[in-house]
């Protein structure tokens, strides 16, 4: 099988270093090959109002629990 990308190295010798291509960055390569996809806009208000209230309630419960723990430590 003939494959020019493969080459044979001596087993107990250090491998040669693959030279870097300085002409093009990875980002530029992705853009030029159409492999870079733009991010979609992030909408911050994705949650319905009910979900926001539920999350706020859960956060309040944790804060109350922390207060109870600090009171127990003072005793």
PDB file of N, CA and C in Angstrom:
ATOM      1  N   UNK A   1       0.848  -1.179   0.000  1.00  0.00           N
ATOM      2  CA  UNK A   1       0.000   0.000   0.000  1.00  0.00           C
ATOM      3  C   UNK A   1       0.893   1.242   0.000  1.00  0.00           C
ATOM      4  N   UNK A   2       0.622   2.165  -0.850  1.00  0.00           N
ATOM      5  CA  UNK A   2       1.415   3.382  -0.974  1.00  0.00           C
ATOM      6  C   UNK A   2       0.643   4.547  -0.360  1.00  0.00           C
ATOM      7  N   UNK A   3       1.199   5.148   0.698  1.00  0.00           N
ATOM      8  CA  UNK A   3       0.579   6.293   1.348  1.00  0.00           C
ATOM      9  C   UNK A   3       1.680   7.301   1.664  1.00  0.00           C
ATOM     10  N   UNK A   4       1.727   8.436   0.954  1.00  0.00           N
ATOM     11  CA  UNK A   4       2.812   9.396   1.171  1.00  0.00           C
ATOM     12  C   UNK A   4       2.762  10.066   2.548  1.00  0.00           C
ATOM     13  N   UNK A   5       1.627  10.020   3.235  1.00  0.00           N
ATOM     14  CA  UNK A   5       1.541  10.634   4.556  1.00  0.00           C
ATOM     15  C   UNK A   5       2.226   9.782   5.620  1.00  0.00           C
ATOM     16  N   UNK A   6       2.418   8.488   5.333  1.00  0.00           N
ATOM     17  CA  UNK A   6       3.068   7.596   6.284  1.00  0.00           C
ATOM     18  C   UNK A   6       4.547   7.504   5.970  1.00  0.00           C
ATOM     19  N   UNK A   7       5.344   7.440   7.019  1.00  0.00           N
ATOM     20  CA  UNK A   7       6.777   7.239   6.831  1.00  0.00           C
ATOM     21  C   UNK A   7       7.299   6.383   7.975  1.00  0.00           C
ATOM     22  N   UNK A   8       8.380   5.732   7.754  1.00  0.00           N
ATOM     23  CA  UNK A   8       8.930   4.807   8.733  1.00  0.00           C
ATOM     24  C   UNK A   8      10.016   5.505   9.546  1.00  0.00           C
ATOM     25  N   UNK A   9       9.957   5.325  10.868  1.00  0.00           N
ATOM     26  CA  UNK A   9      10.955   5.872  11.775  1.00  0.00           C
ATOM     27  C   UNK A   9      11.623   4.718  12.502  1.00  0.00           C
ATOM     28  N   UNK A  10      12.877   4.877  12.850  1.00  0.00           N
ATOM     29  CA  UNK A  10      13.577   3.849  13.622  1.00  0.00           C
ATOM     30  C   UNK A  10      12.941   3.738  15.009  1.00  0.00           C
ATOM     31  N   UNK A  11      12.824   2.534  15.513  1.00  0.00           N
ATOM     32  CA  UNK A  11      12.093   2.281  16.745  1.00  0.00           C
ATOM     33  C   UNK A  11      12.716   2.976  17.957  1.00  0.00           C
ATOM     34  N   UNK A  12      14.008   2.950  18.084  1.00  0.00           N
ATOM     35  CA  UNK A  12      14.658   3.488  19.275  1.00  0.00           C
ATOM     36  C   UNK A  12      15.265   4.870  19.052  1.00  0.00           C
ATOM     37  N   UNK A  13      14.909   5.502  17.982  1.00  0.00           N
ATOM     38  CA  UNK A  13      15.385   6.849  17.685  1.00  0.00           C
ATOM     39  C   UNK A  13      14.246   7.837  17.936  1.00  0.00           C
ATOM     40  N   UNK A  14      14.583   9.048  18.372  1.00  0.00           N
ATOM     41  CA  UNK A  14      13.516  10.040  18.559  1.00  0.00           C
ATOM     42  C   UNK A  14      12.847  10.372  17.222  1.00  0.00           C
ATOM     43  N   UNK A  15      11.567  10.561  17.285  1.00  0.00           N
ATOM     44  CA  UNK A  15      10.817  10.884  16.067  1.00  0.00           C
ATOM     45  C   UNK A  15      11.129  12.309  15.633  1.00  0.00           C
ATOM     46  N   UNK A  16      11.073  12.535  14.357  1.00  0.00           N
ATOM     47  CA  UNK A  16      11.297  13.893  13.855  1.00  0.00           C
ATOM     48  C   UNK A  16      10.050  14.738  14.118  1.00  0.00           C
ATOM     49  N   UNK A  17      10.268  16.008  14.285  1.00  0.00           N
ATOM     50  CA  UNK A  17       9.178  16.932  14.590  1.00  0.00           C
ATOM     51  C   UNK A  17       8.490  17.328  13.295  1.00  0.00           C
ATOM     52  N   UNK A  18       7.171  17.310  13.320  1.00  0.00           N
ATOM     53  CA  UNK A  18       6.393  17.712  12.147  1.00  0.00           C
ATOM     54  C   UNK A  18       6.456  19.232  12.031  1.00  0.00           C
ATOM     55  N   UNK A  19       6.880  19.768  10.908  1.00  0.00           N
ATOM     56  CA  UNK A  19       6.994  21.225  10.783  1.00  0.00           C
ATOM     57  C   UNK A  19       5.615  21.887  10.773  1.00  0.00           C
ATOM     58  N   UNK A  20       5.558  23.052  11.405  1.00  0.00           N
ATOM     59  CA  UNK A  20       4.310  23.808  11.437  1.00  0.00           C
ATOM     60  C   UNK A  20       4.123  24.578  10.141  1.00  0.00           C
ATOM     61  N   UNK A  21       2.886  24.722   9.732  1.00  0.00           N
ATOM     62  CA  UNK A  21       2.570  25.561   8.576  1.00  0.00           C
ATOM     63  C   UNK A  21       2.265  26.954   9.112  1.00  0.00           C
ATOM     64  N   UNK A  22       3.159  27.861   8.910  1.00  0.00           N
ATOM     65  CA  UNK A  22       3.033  29.209   9.467  1.00  0.00           C
ATOM     66  C   UNK A  22       2.112  30.106   8.641  1.00  0.00           C
ATOM     67  N   UNK A  23       1.732  29.675   7.475  1.00  0.00           N
ATOM     68  CA  UNK A  23       0.966  30.532   6.587  1.00  0.00           C
ATOM     69  C   UNK A  23      -0.491  30.696   6.972  1.00  0.00           C
ATOM     70  N   UNK A  24      -1.031  29.794   7.769  1.00  0.00           N
ATOM     71  CA  UNK A  24      -2.466  29.824   7.989  1.00  0.00           C
ATOM     72  C   UNK A  24      -2.786  29.365   9.409  1.00  0.00           C
ATOM     73  N   UNK A  25      -3.639  30.110  10.095  1.00  0.00           N
ATOM     74  CA  UNK A  25      -4.057  29.713  11.434  1.00  0.00           C
ATOM     75  C   UNK A  25      -5.212  28.720  11.331  1.00  0.00           C
ATOM     76  N   UNK A  26      -5.468  28.039  12.410  1.00  0.00           N
ATOM     77  CA  UNK A  26      -6.566  27.079  12.439  1.00  0.00           C
ATOM     78  C   UNK A  26      -7.901  27.784  12.196  1.00  0.00           C
ATOM     79  N   UNK A  27      -8.069  28.946  12.798  1.00  0.00           N
ATOM     80  CA  UNK A  27      -9.305  29.703  12.605  1.00  0.00           C
ATOM     81  C   UNK A  27      -9.494  30.080  11.136  1.00  0.00           C
ATOM     82  N   UNK A  28      -8.436  30.540  10.508  1.00  0.00           N
ATOM     83  CA  UNK A  28      -8.515  30.901   9.086  1.00  0.00           C
ATOM     84  C   UNK A  28      -8.836  29.676   8.238  1.00  0.00           C
ATOM     85  N   UNK A  29      -8.224  28.530   8.564  1.00  0.00           N
ATOM     86  CA  UNK A  29      -8.486  27.304   7.815  1.00  0.00           C
ATOM     87  C   UNK A  29      -9.949  26.889   7.947  1.00  0.00           C
ATOM     88  N   UNK A  30     -10.498  26.976   9.165  1.00  0.00           N
ATOM     89  CA  UNK A  30     -11.907  26.627   9.370  1.00  0.00           C
ATOM     90  C   UNK A  30     -12.819  27.545   8.561  1.00  0.00           C
ATOM     91  N   UNK A  31     -12.527  28.838   8.576  1.00  0.00           N
ATOM     92  CA  UNK A  31     -13.344  29.789   7.820  1.00  0.00           C
ATOM     93  C   UNK A  31     -13.256  29.530   6.318  1.00  0.00           C
ATOM     94  N   UNK A  32     -12.048  29.277   5.823  1.00  0.00           N
ATOM     95  CA  UNK A  32     -11.878  29.109   4.376  1.00  0.00           C
ATOM     96  C   UNK A  32     -12.496  27.812   3.860  1.00  0.00           C
ATOM     97  N   UNK A  33     -12.621  26.808   4.704  1.00  0.00           N
ATOM     98  CA  UNK A  33     -13.227  25.544   4.289  1.00  0.00           C
ATOM     99  C   UNK A  33     -14.709  25.447   4.637  1.00  0.00           C
ATOM    100  N   UNK A  34     -15.278  26.526   5.151  1.00  0.00           N
ATOM    101  CA  UNK A  34     -16.698  26.532   5.474  1.00  0.00           C
ATOM    102  C   UNK A  34     -17.051  25.646   6.657  1.00  0.00           C
ATOM    103  N   UNK A  35     -16.095  25.413   7.536  1.00  0.00           N
ATOM    104  CA  UNK A  35     -16.340  24.540   8.683  1.00  0.00           C
ATOM    105  C   UNK A  35     -16.613  25.317   9.963  1.00  0.00           C
ATOM    106  N   UNK A  36     -16.491  26.620   9.921  1.00  0.00           N
ATOM    107  CA  UNK A  36     -16.733  27.453  11.083  1.00  0.00           C
ATOM    108  C   UNK A  36     -18.174  27.937  11.032  1.00  0.00           C
ATOM    109  N   UNK A  37     -18.941  27.586  12.036  1.00  0.00           N
ATOM    110  CA  UNK A  37     -20.345  27.970  12.074  1.00  0.00           C
ATOM    111  C   UNK A  37     -20.519  29.137  13.038  1.00  0.00           C
ATOM    112  N   UNK A  38     -21.234  30.179  12.625  1.00  0.00           N
ATOM    113  CA  UNK A  38     -21.448  31.309  13.539  1.00  0.00           C
ATOM    114  C   UNK A  38     -22.361  30.899  14.687  1.00  0.00           C
ATOM    115  N   UNK A  39     -22.137  31.519  15.823  1.00  0.00           N
ATOM    116  CA  UNK A  39     -22.997  31.251  16.977  1.00  0.00           C
ATOM    117  C   UNK A  39     -24.386  31.815  16.726  1.00  0.00           C
ATOM    118  N   UNK A  40     -25.361  31.125  17.269  1.00  0.00           N
ATOM    119  CA  UNK A  40     -26.721  31.642  17.189  1.00  0.00           C
ATOM    120  C   UNK A  40     -26.901  32.643  18.322  1.00  0.00           C
ATOM    121  N   UNK A  41     -27.727  33.624  18.099  1.00  0.00           N
ATOM    122  CA  UNK A  41     -27.968  34.622  19.131  1.00  0.00           C
ATOM    123  C   UNK A  41     -28.569  33.989  20.374  1.00  0.00           C
ATOM    124  N   UNK A  42     -28.081  34.396  21.516  1.00  0.00           N
ATOM    125  CA  UNK A  42     -28.561  33.852  22.778  1.00  0.00           C
ATOM    126  C   UNK A  42     -29.651  34.766  23.301  1.00  0.00           C
ATOM    127  N   UNK A  43     -30.800  34.194  23.544  1.00  0.00           N
ATOM    128  CA  UNK A  43     -31.911  34.948  24.091  1.00  0.00           C
ATOM    129  C   UNK A  43     -31.933  34.701  25.588  1.00  0.00           C
ATOM    130  N   UNK A  44     -31.804  35.773  26.374  1.00  0.00           N
ATOM    131  CA  UNK A  44     -31.720  35.620  27.821  1.00  0.00           C
ATOM    132  C   UNK A  44     -33.069  35.318  28.454  1.00  0.00           C
ATOM    133  N   UNK A  45     -34.143  35.732  27.822  1.00  0.00           N
ATOM    134  CA  UNK A  45     -35.462  35.570  28.419  1.00  0.00           C
ATOM    135  C   UNK A  45     -36.145  34.331  27.848  1.00  0.00           C
ATOM    136  N   UNK A  46     -35.477  33.173  27.918  1.00  0.00           N
ATOM    137  CA  UNK A  46     -36.045  31.941  27.393  1.00  0.00           C
ATOM    138  C   UNK A  46     -37.050  31.310  28.349  1.00  0.00           C
ATOM    139  N   UNK A  47     -36.888  31.538  29.644  1.00  0.00           N
ATOM    140  CA  UNK A  47     -37.736  30.876  30.630  1.00  0.00           C
ATOM    141  C   UNK A  47     -39.086  31.576  30.743  1.00  0.00           C
ATOM    142  N   UNK A  48     -40.149  30.806  30.859  1.00  0.00           N
ATOM    143  CA  UNK A  48     -41.445  31.431  31.132  1.00  0.00           C
ATOM    144  C   UNK A  48     -41.453  31.991  32.551  1.00  0.00           C
ATOM    145  N   UNK A  49     -42.403  32.871  32.822  1.00  0.00           N
ATOM    146  CA  UNK A  49     -42.466  33.518  34.134  1.00  0.00           C
ATOM    147  C   UNK A  49     -42.638  32.505  35.260  1.00  0.00           C
ATOM    148  N   UNK A  50     -43.397  31.436  35.012  1.00  0.00           N
ATOM    149  CA  UNK A  50     -43.603  30.420  36.044  1.00  0.00           C
ATOM    150  C   UNK A  50     -42.282  29.771  36.441  1.00  0.00           C
ATOM    151  N   UNK A  51     -41.447  29.495  35.470  1.00  0.00           N
ATOM    152  CA  UNK A  51     -40.158  28.857  35.756  1.00  0.00           C
ATOM    153  C   UNK A  51     -39.260  29.800  36.542  1.00  0.00           C
ATOM    154  N   UNK A  52     -39.286  31.085  36.218  1.00  0.00           N
ATOM    155  CA  UNK A  52     -38.470  32.054  36.949  1.00  0.00           C
ATOM    156  C   UNK A  52     -38.921  32.140  38.404  1.00  0.00           C
ATOM    157  N   UNK A  53     -40.235  32.136  38.629  1.00  0.00           N
ATOM    158  CA  UNK A  53     -40.750  32.184  39.995  1.00  0.00           C
ATOM    159  C   UNK A  53     -40.362  30.924  40.759  1.00  0.00           C
ATOM    160  N   UNK A  54     -40.436  29.783  40.085  1.00  0.00           N
ATOM    161  CA  UNK A  54     -40.081  28.521  40.726  1.00  0.00           C
ATOM    162  C   UNK A  54     -38.599  28.510  41.118  1.00  0.00           C
ATOM    163  N   UNK A  55     -37.768  29.004  40.241  1.00  0.00           N
ATOM    164  CA  UNK A  55     -36.337  29.069  40.546  1.00  0.00           C
ATOM    165  C   UNK A  55     -36.089  30.030  41.703  1.00  0.00           C
ATOM    166  N   UNK A  56     -36.774  31.158  41.705  1.00  0.00           N
ATOM    167  CA  UNK A  56     -36.616  32.122  42.794  1.00  0.00           C
ATOM    168  C   UNK A  56     -37.060  31.508  44.115  1.00  0.00           C
ATOM    169  N   UNK A  57     -38.154  30.745  44.093  1.00  0.00           N
ATOM    170  CA  UNK A  57     -38.623  30.081  45.313  1.00  0.00           C
ATOM    171  C   UNK A  57     -37.596  29.078  45.814  1.00  0.00           C
ATOM    172  N   UNK A  58     -37.010  28.319  44.911  1.00  0.00           N
ATOM    173  CA  UNK A  58     -35.991  27.347  45.309  1.00  0.00           C
ATOM    174  C   UNK A  58     -34.769  28.043  45.899  1.00  0.00           C
ATOM    175  N   UNK A  59     -34.411  29.159  45.326  1.00  0.00           N
ATOM    176  CA  UNK A  59     -33.255  29.893  45.843  1.00  0.00           C
ATOM    177  C   UNK A  59     -33.553  30.463  47.220  1.00  0.00           C
ATOM    178  N   UNK A  60     -34.782  30.902  47.471  1.00  0.00           N
ATOM    179  CA  UNK A  60     -35.157  31.423  48.780  1.00  0.00           C
ATOM    180  C   UNK A  60     -35.118  30.328  49.831  1.00  0.00           C
ATOM    181  N   UNK A  61     -35.548  29.130  49.472  1.00  0.00           N
ATOM    182  CA  UNK A  61     -35.555  28.015  50.416  1.00  0.00           C
ATOM    183  C   UNK A  61     -34.131  27.697  50.846  1.00  0.00           C
ATOM    184  N   UNK A  62     -33.196  27.703  49.912  1.00  0.00           N
ATOM    185  CA  UNK A  62     -31.806  27.412  50.247  1.00  0.00           C
ATOM    186  C   UNK A  62     -31.250  28.483  51.173  1.00  0.00           C
ATOM    187  N   UNK A  63     -31.612  29.733  50.948  1.00  0.00           N
ATOM    188  CA  UNK A  63     -31.123  30.811  51.799  1.00  0.00           C
ATOM    189  C   UNK A  63     -31.664  30.652  53.210  1.00  0.00           C
ATOM    190  N   UNK A  64     -32.937  30.265  53.356  1.00  0.00           N
ATOM    191  CA  UNK A  64     -33.520  30.042  54.673  1.00  0.00           C
ATOM    192  C   UNK A  64     -32.843  28.871  55.364  1.00  0.00           C
ATOM    193  N   UNK A  65     -32.536  27.801  54.621  1.00  0.00           N
ATOM    194  CA  UNK A  65     -31.855  26.648  55.201  1.00  0.00           C
ATOM    195  C   UNK A  65     -30.475  27.034  55.705  1.00  0.00           C
ATOM    196  N   UNK A  66     -29.771  27.884  54.986  1.00  0.00           N
ATOM    197  CA  UNK A  66     -28.449  28.324  55.411  1.00  0.00           C
ATOM    198  C   UNK A  66     -28.540  29.124  56.701  1.00  0.00           C
ATOM    199  N   UNK A  67     -29.594  29.950  56.827  1.00  0.00           N
ATOM    200  CA  UNK A  67     -29.774  30.717  58.054  1.00  0.00           C
ATOM    201  C   UNK A  67     -29.998  29.787  59.234  1.00  0.00           C
ATOM    202  N   UNK A  68     -30.777  28.732  59.028  1.00  0.00           N
ATOM    203  CA  UNK A  68     -31.035  27.774  60.096  1.00  0.00           C
ATOM    204  C   UNK A  68     -29.747  27.084  60.521  1.00  0.00           C
ATOM    205  N   UNK A  69     -28.895  26.775  59.584  1.00  0.00           N
ATOM    206  CA  UNK A  69     -27.628  26.116  59.904  1.00  0.00           C
ATOM    207  C   UNK A  69     -26.729  27.029  60.720  1.00  0.00           C
ATOM    208  N   UNK A  70     -26.691  28.305  60.389  1.00  0.00           N
ATOM    209  CA  UNK A  70     -25.840  29.224  61.142  1.00  0.00           C
ATOM    210  C   UNK A  70     -26.379  29.411  62.553  1.00  0.00           C
ATOM    211  N   UNK A  71     -27.720  29.373  62.732  1.00  0.00           N
ATOM    212  CA  UNK A  71     -28.300  29.461  64.069  1.00  0.00           C
ATOM    213  C   UNK A  71     -27.923  28.243  64.894  1.00  0.00           C
ATOM    214  N   UNK A  72     -27.916  27.062  64.269  1.00  0.00           N
ATOM    215  CA  UNK A  72     -27.556  25.839  64.975  1.00  0.00           C
ATOM    216  C   UNK A  72     -26.098  25.867  65.416  1.00  0.00           C
ATOM    217  N   UNK A  73     -25.236  26.460  64.625  1.00  0.00           N
ATOM    218  CA  UNK A  73     -23.823  26.514  64.974  1.00  0.00           C
ATOM    219  C   UNK A  73     -23.572  27.461  66.138  1.00  0.00           C
ATOM    220  N   UNK A  74     -24.425  28.482  66.283  1.00  0.00           N
ATOM    221  CA  UNK A  74     -24.262  29.440  67.375  1.00  0.00           C
ATOM    222  C   UNK A  74     -24.616  28.821  68.720  1.00  0.00           C
ATOM    223  N   UNK A  75     -25.484  27.794  68.727  1.00  0.00           N
ATOM    224  CA  UNK A  75     -25.939  27.185  69.991  1.00  0.00           C
ATOM    225  C   UNK A  75     -24.893  26.398  70.666  1.00  0.00           C
TER     226      UNK A  75
END
